[in-house]
């Protein structure tokens, strides 16, 4: 037996944490129902009994999922808000949540060419905005932390009261930094 499922979801009123100006409120953080998330994918499962005898059975299962990009839609409820940045590394955010973009994108500096170190010994980063400084304005998407595919394979062997079971699982298509 098995199954195949295709889905497209839209989650309205996603709760997002907002930083507040201290002069406006006693607290620094406020939670608002402000965003819309869209995502989709395909999931499948197959189960098969390979052996069924008196006190002995062997069952195998294969499961998998292919995920489409999860995107933030209509993130801003405040016209002055730009985007939400988190995951601070060396004073700079690496995860940005921006309206219309993929959730989980990792941003960072990109090298100017195939030589990461300049002849003077400094990093050879691309200064996208050409202001002479390396800042988050120069960041490009260098990966995505969310997997695109997941698979699992289960085997179960039963002999009398004893059961031996194992699972092999793989997650693919994401970047780990």
C-alpha atoms as a PDB file:
ATOM      1  CA  UNK A   1       0.000   0.000   0.000  1.00  0.00           C
ATOM      2  CA  UNK A   2       1.065   3.603  -0.372  1.00  0.00           C
ATOM      3  CA  UNK A   3       0.061   7.131  -1.079  1.00  0.00           C
ATOM      4  CA  UNK A   4       0.948  10.306  -2.916  1.00  0.00           C
ATOM      5  CA  UNK A   5       0.004  13.784  -1.714  1.00  0.00           C
ATOM      6  CA  UNK A   6       0.482  17.144  -3.415  1.00  0.00           C
ATOM      7  CA  UNK A   7      -0.142  20.215  -1.294  1.00  0.00           C
ATOM      8  CA  UNK A   8      -0.054  23.997  -1.487  1.00  0.00           C
ATOM      9  CA  UNK A   9      -0.559  25.896   1.769  1.00  0.00           C
ATOM     10  CA  UNK A  10      -1.158  29.478   2.700  1.00  0.00           C
ATOM     11  CA  UNK A  11      -0.869  30.438   6.368  1.00  0.00           C
ATOM     12  CA  UNK A  12      -2.411  33.817   7.196  1.00  0.00           C
ATOM     13  CA  UNK A  13      -1.640  35.860  10.312  1.00  0.00           C
ATOM     14  CA  UNK A  14       1.772  34.377  11.001  1.00  0.00           C
ATOM     15  CA  UNK A  15       2.995  35.619  14.378  1.00  0.00           C
ATOM     16  CA  UNK A  16       6.169  37.667  13.937  1.00  0.00           C
ATOM     17  CA  UNK A  17       8.307  39.287  16.618  1.00  0.00           C
ATOM     18  CA  UNK A  18       8.844  43.041  16.166  1.00  0.00           C
ATOM     19  CA  UNK A  19      11.403  45.212  17.955  1.00  0.00           C
ATOM     20  CA  UNK A  20       9.918  48.369  19.412  1.00  0.00           C
ATOM     21  CA  UNK A  21      11.434  51.742  20.107  1.00  0.00           C
ATOM     22  CA  UNK A  22      11.941  52.045  23.879  1.00  0.00           C
ATOM     23  CA  UNK A  23      10.329  55.470  23.933  1.00  0.00           C
ATOM     24  CA  UNK A  24       7.109  54.023  22.504  1.00  0.00           C
ATOM     25  CA  UNK A  25       6.589  51.171  24.949  1.00  0.00           C
ATOM     26  CA  UNK A  26       7.944  49.798  28.208  1.00  0.00           C
ATOM     27  CA  UNK A  27       8.809  46.485  26.546  1.00  0.00           C
ATOM     28  CA  UNK A  28      11.160  46.083  23.617  1.00  0.00           C
ATOM     29  CA  UNK A  29       9.360  43.238  21.841  1.00  0.00           C
ATOM     30  CA  UNK A  30       5.850  42.967  20.470  1.00  0.00           C
ATOM     31  CA  UNK A  31       4.298  39.992  18.696  1.00  0.00           C
ATOM     32  CA  UNK A  32       1.970  40.729  15.776  1.00  0.00           C
ATOM     33  CA  UNK A  33      -0.138  38.656  13.408  1.00  0.00           C
ATOM     34  CA  UNK A  34       1.501  40.235  10.435  1.00  0.00           C
ATOM     35  CA  UNK A  35       2.616  37.769   7.814  1.00  0.00           C
ATOM     36  CA  UNK A  36       1.437  35.284   5.227  1.00  0.00           C
ATOM     37  CA  UNK A  37       3.476  32.168   4.430  1.00  0.00           C
ATOM     38  CA  UNK A  38       3.053  30.090   1.275  1.00  0.00           C
ATOM     39  CA  UNK A  39       4.590  26.669   0.722  1.00  0.00           C
ATOM     40  CA  UNK A  40       3.954  23.405  -1.028  1.00  0.00           C
ATOM     41  CA  UNK A  41       5.355  20.031  -1.859  1.00  0.00           C
ATOM     42  CA  UNK A  42       4.824  16.397  -2.741  1.00  0.00           C
ATOM     43  CA  UNK A  43       4.890  13.530  -0.228  1.00  0.00           C
ATOM     44  CA  UNK A  44       4.802   9.797  -0.903  1.00  0.00           C
ATOM     45  CA  UNK A  45       4.839   6.559   1.051  1.00  0.00           C
ATOM     46  CA  UNK A  46       5.100   2.911   0.046  1.00  0.00           C
ATOM     47  CA  UNK A  47       4.717  -0.039   2.428  1.00  0.00           C
ATOM     48  CA  UNK A  48       5.169  -3.654   1.463  1.00  0.00           C
ATOM     49  CA  UNK A  49       5.210  -6.963   3.336  1.00  0.00           C
ATOM     50  CA  UNK A  50       8.066  -8.958   1.842  1.00  0.00           C
ATOM     51  CA  UNK A  51       7.524 -12.048   3.983  1.00  0.00           C
ATOM     52  CA  UNK A  52       4.623 -13.387   6.056  1.00  0.00           C
ATOM     53  CA  UNK A  53       4.962 -16.822   7.620  1.00  0.00           C
ATOM     54  CA  UNK A  54       3.760 -18.308  10.902  1.00  0.00           C
ATOM     55  CA  UNK A  55       5.937 -16.464  13.418  1.00  0.00           C
ATOM     56  CA  UNK A  56       8.087 -14.527  10.919  1.00  0.00           C
ATOM     57  CA  UNK A  57       7.351 -11.325   9.032  1.00  0.00           C
ATOM     58  CA  UNK A  58       9.360  -8.700   7.179  1.00  0.00           C
ATOM     59  CA  UNK A  59       7.936  -5.317   6.240  1.00  0.00           C
ATOM     60  CA  UNK A  60       9.675  -2.517   4.347  1.00  0.00           C
ATOM     61  CA  UNK A  61       8.566   1.112   4.025  1.00  0.00           C
ATOM     62  CA  UNK A  62       9.838   3.961   1.898  1.00  0.00           C
ATOM     63  CA  UNK A  63       8.760   7.539   2.537  1.00  0.00           C
ATOM     64  CA  UNK A  64       9.796  10.782   0.922  1.00  0.00           C
ATOM     65  CA  UNK A  65       8.965  14.408   0.433  1.00  0.00           C
ATOM     66  CA  UNK A  66       9.951  17.090  -2.055  1.00  0.00           C
ATOM     67  CA  UNK A  67       9.501  20.594  -0.675  1.00  0.00           C
ATOM     68  CA  UNK A  68       8.922  23.716  -2.737  1.00  0.00           C
ATOM     69  CA  UNK A  69      10.229  27.106  -1.601  1.00  0.00           C
ATOM     70  CA  UNK A  70       8.511  28.585   1.443  1.00  0.00           C
ATOM     71  CA  UNK A  71       7.945  32.276   0.873  1.00  0.00           C
ATOM     72  CA  UNK A  72       6.895  35.209   3.010  1.00  0.00           C
ATOM     73  CA  UNK A  73       4.010  37.118   1.447  1.00  0.00           C
ATOM     74  CA  UNK A  74       2.682  40.435   2.724  1.00  0.00           C
ATOM     75  CA  UNK A  75       5.146  40.613   5.593  1.00  0.00           C
ATOM     76  CA  UNK A  76       4.832  44.314   6.279  1.00  0.00           C
ATOM     77  CA  UNK A  77       1.913  45.729   8.146  1.00  0.00           C
ATOM     78  CA  UNK A  78       3.930  48.841   9.004  1.00  0.00           C
ATOM     79  CA  UNK A  79       4.826  51.047   6.002  1.00  0.00           C
ATOM     80  CA  UNK A  80       8.045  52.110   7.745  1.00  0.00           C
ATOM     81  CA  UNK A  81       9.244  48.525   8.296  1.00  0.00           C
ATOM     82  CA  UNK A  82      11.738  47.165   5.785  1.00  0.00           C
ATOM     83  CA  UNK A  83      12.654  43.617   6.720  1.00  0.00           C
ATOM     84  CA  UNK A  84      13.440  41.387   9.666  1.00  0.00           C
ATOM     85  CA  UNK A  85      17.067  40.330  10.104  1.00  0.00           C
ATOM     86  CA  UNK A  86      18.382  37.704  12.499  1.00  0.00           C
ATOM     87  CA  UNK A  87      21.142  35.149  12.975  1.00  0.00           C
ATOM     88  CA  UNK A  88      23.840  37.641  13.890  1.00  0.00           C
ATOM     89  CA  UNK A  89      27.402  36.662  12.914  1.00  0.00           C
ATOM     90  CA  UNK A  90      30.152  39.216  13.495  1.00  0.00           C
ATOM     91  CA  UNK A  91      27.618  42.039  14.056  1.00  0.00           C
ATOM     92  CA  UNK A  92      25.799  41.341  10.784  1.00  0.00           C
ATOM     93  CA  UNK A  93      22.564  39.384  10.195  1.00  0.00           C
ATOM     94  CA  UNK A  94      22.738  36.289   7.958  1.00  0.00           C
ATOM     95  CA  UNK A  95      19.000  35.502   7.771  1.00  0.00           C
ATOM     96  CA  UNK A  96      16.660  38.152   6.378  1.00  0.00           C
ATOM     97  CA  UNK A  97      12.915  37.803   6.103  1.00  0.00           C
ATOM     98  CA  UNK A  98      11.865  39.973   3.190  1.00  0.00           C
ATOM     99  CA  UNK A  99       8.488  40.124   1.487  1.00  0.00           C
ATOM    100  CA  UNK A 100       8.329  37.754  -1.504  1.00  0.00           C
ATOM    101  CA  UNK A 101      11.647  36.011  -0.870  1.00  0.00           C
ATOM    102  CA  UNK A 102      12.371  32.433   0.185  1.00  0.00           C
ATOM    103  CA  UNK A 103      12.357  31.629   3.882  1.00  0.00           C
ATOM    104  CA  UNK A 104      15.711  30.256   5.047  1.00  0.00           C
ATOM    105  CA  UNK A 105      17.974  32.071   2.589  1.00  0.00           C
ATOM    106  CA  UNK A 106      21.456  32.570   4.043  1.00  0.00           C
ATOM    107  CA  UNK A 107      23.202  35.781   3.058  1.00  0.00           C
ATOM    108  CA  UNK A 108      26.849  36.677   3.187  1.00  0.00           C
ATOM    109  CA  UNK A 109      29.716  38.256   1.339  1.00  0.00           C
ATOM    110  CA  UNK A 110      30.632  36.930  -2.094  1.00  0.00           C
ATOM    111  CA  UNK A 111      34.167  36.878  -3.411  1.00  0.00           C
ATOM    112  CA  UNK A 112      34.953  39.254  -6.251  1.00  0.00           C
ATOM    113  CA  UNK A 113      36.571  36.529  -8.355  1.00  0.00           C
ATOM    114  CA  UNK A 114      38.101  33.081  -7.934  1.00  0.00           C
ATOM    115  CA  UNK A 115      40.810  34.463  -5.620  1.00  0.00           C
ATOM    116  CA  UNK A 116      39.393  34.854  -2.087  1.00  0.00           C
ATOM    117  CA  UNK A 117      42.503  36.667  -0.831  1.00  0.00           C
ATOM    118  CA  UNK A 118      43.778  39.821  -2.540  1.00  0.00           C
ATOM    119  CA  UNK A 119      47.529  40.319  -3.140  1.00  0.00           C
ATOM    120  CA  UNK A 120      47.667  42.666  -0.118  1.00  0.00           C
ATOM    121  CA  UNK A 121      46.401  39.836   2.159  1.00  0.00           C
ATOM    122  CA  UNK A 122      42.861  41.203   2.663  1.00  0.00           C
ATOM    123  CA  UNK A 123      39.679  39.377   1.765  1.00  0.00           C
ATOM    124  CA  UNK A 124      38.670  39.940  -1.827  1.00  0.00           C
ATOM    125  CA  UNK A 125      34.925  40.528  -1.284  1.00  0.00           C
ATOM    126  CA  UNK A 126      32.560  42.037  -3.830  1.00  0.00           C
ATOM    127  CA  UNK A 127      31.562  45.599  -2.828  1.00  0.00           C
ATOM    128  CA  UNK A 128      28.131  45.523  -4.517  1.00  0.00           C
ATOM    129  CA  UNK A 129      27.106  49.064  -3.616  1.00  0.00           C
ATOM    130  CA  UNK A 130      30.636  50.418  -4.302  1.00  0.00           C
ATOM    131  CA  UNK A 131      30.741  52.482  -1.116  1.00  0.00           C
ATOM    132  CA  UNK A 132      34.222  51.249  -0.143  1.00  0.00           C
ATOM    133  CA  UNK A 133      32.978  49.284   2.899  1.00  0.00           C
ATOM    134  CA  UNK A 134      31.880  45.681   3.414  1.00  0.00           C
ATOM    135  CA  UNK A 135      28.441  45.777   5.008  1.00  0.00           C
ATOM    136  CA  UNK A 136      25.153  43.802   4.834  1.00  0.00           C
ATOM    137  CA  UNK A 137      24.249  45.947   1.818  1.00  0.00           C
ATOM    138  CA  UNK A 138      26.863  43.929  -0.079  1.00  0.00           C
ATOM    139  CA  UNK A 139      25.393  40.536   0.891  1.00  0.00           C
ATOM    140  CA  UNK A 140      24.148  38.032  -1.677  1.00  0.00           C
ATOM    141  CA  UNK A 141      22.257  34.784  -1.147  1.00  0.00           C
ATOM    142  CA  UNK A 142      24.916  32.106  -0.564  1.00  0.00           C
ATOM    143  CA  UNK A 143      22.639  29.231   0.423  1.00  0.00           C
ATOM    144  CA  UNK A 144      19.387  28.119   1.997  1.00  0.00           C
ATOM    145  CA  UNK A 145      18.986  26.364   5.336  1.00  0.00           C
ATOM    146  CA  UNK A 146      15.711  24.624   4.436  1.00  0.00           C
ATOM    147  CA  UNK A 147      15.939  21.166   2.840  1.00  0.00           C
ATOM    148  CA  UNK A 148      14.355  20.510  -0.560  1.00  0.00           C
ATOM    149  CA  UNK A 149      13.973  16.755  -0.151  1.00  0.00           C
ATOM    150  CA  UNK A 150      13.723  14.132   2.577  1.00  0.00           C
ATOM    151  CA  UNK A 151      13.631  10.342   2.290  1.00  0.00           C
ATOM    152  CA  UNK A 152      13.372   7.501   4.776  1.00  0.00           C
ATOM    153  CA  UNK A 153      13.653   3.719   4.517  1.00  0.00           C
ATOM    154  CA  UNK A 154      12.351   1.469   7.303  1.00  0.00           C
ATOM    155  CA  UNK A 155      12.743  -2.283   7.693  1.00  0.00           C
ATOM    156  CA  UNK A 156      10.916  -4.285  10.337  1.00  0.00           C
ATOM    157  CA  UNK A 157      11.503  -7.989  10.958  1.00  0.00           C
ATOM    158  CA  UNK A 158       9.403  -9.837  13.506  1.00  0.00           C
ATOM    159  CA  UNK A 159      10.057 -13.328  14.886  1.00  0.00           C
ATOM    160  CA  UNK A 160       7.680 -14.384  17.631  1.00  0.00           C
ATOM    161  CA  UNK A 161       7.831 -11.765  20.385  1.00  0.00           C
ATOM    162  CA  UNK A 162      11.052 -10.216  19.049  1.00  0.00           C
ATOM    163  CA  UNK A 163      11.140  -7.259  16.679  1.00  0.00           C
ATOM    164  CA  UNK A 164      14.163  -5.832  14.892  1.00  0.00           C
ATOM    165  CA  UNK A 165      13.654  -2.469  13.228  1.00  0.00           C
ATOM    166  CA  UNK A 166      15.891   0.155  11.668  1.00  0.00           C
ATOM    167  CA  UNK A 167      15.456   3.441   9.848  1.00  0.00           C
ATOM    168  CA  UNK A 168      17.761   5.137   7.375  1.00  0.00           C
ATOM    169  CA  UNK A 169      16.966   8.783   6.802  1.00  0.00           C
ATOM    170  CA  UNK A 170      18.381  11.373   4.435  1.00  0.00           C
ATOM    171  CA  UNK A 171      17.831  15.099   4.138  1.00  0.00           C
ATOM    172  CA  UNK A 172      19.042  16.854   0.997  1.00  0.00           C
ATOM    173  CA  UNK A 173      19.190  20.218  -0.712  1.00  0.00           C
ATOM    174  CA  UNK A 174      20.041  22.477   2.232  1.00  0.00           C
ATOM    175  CA  UNK A 175      23.206  24.323   3.148  1.00  0.00           C
ATOM    176  CA  UNK A 176      24.971  24.110   6.497  1.00  0.00           C
ATOM    177  CA  UNK A 177      27.340  26.918   7.325  1.00  0.00           C
END
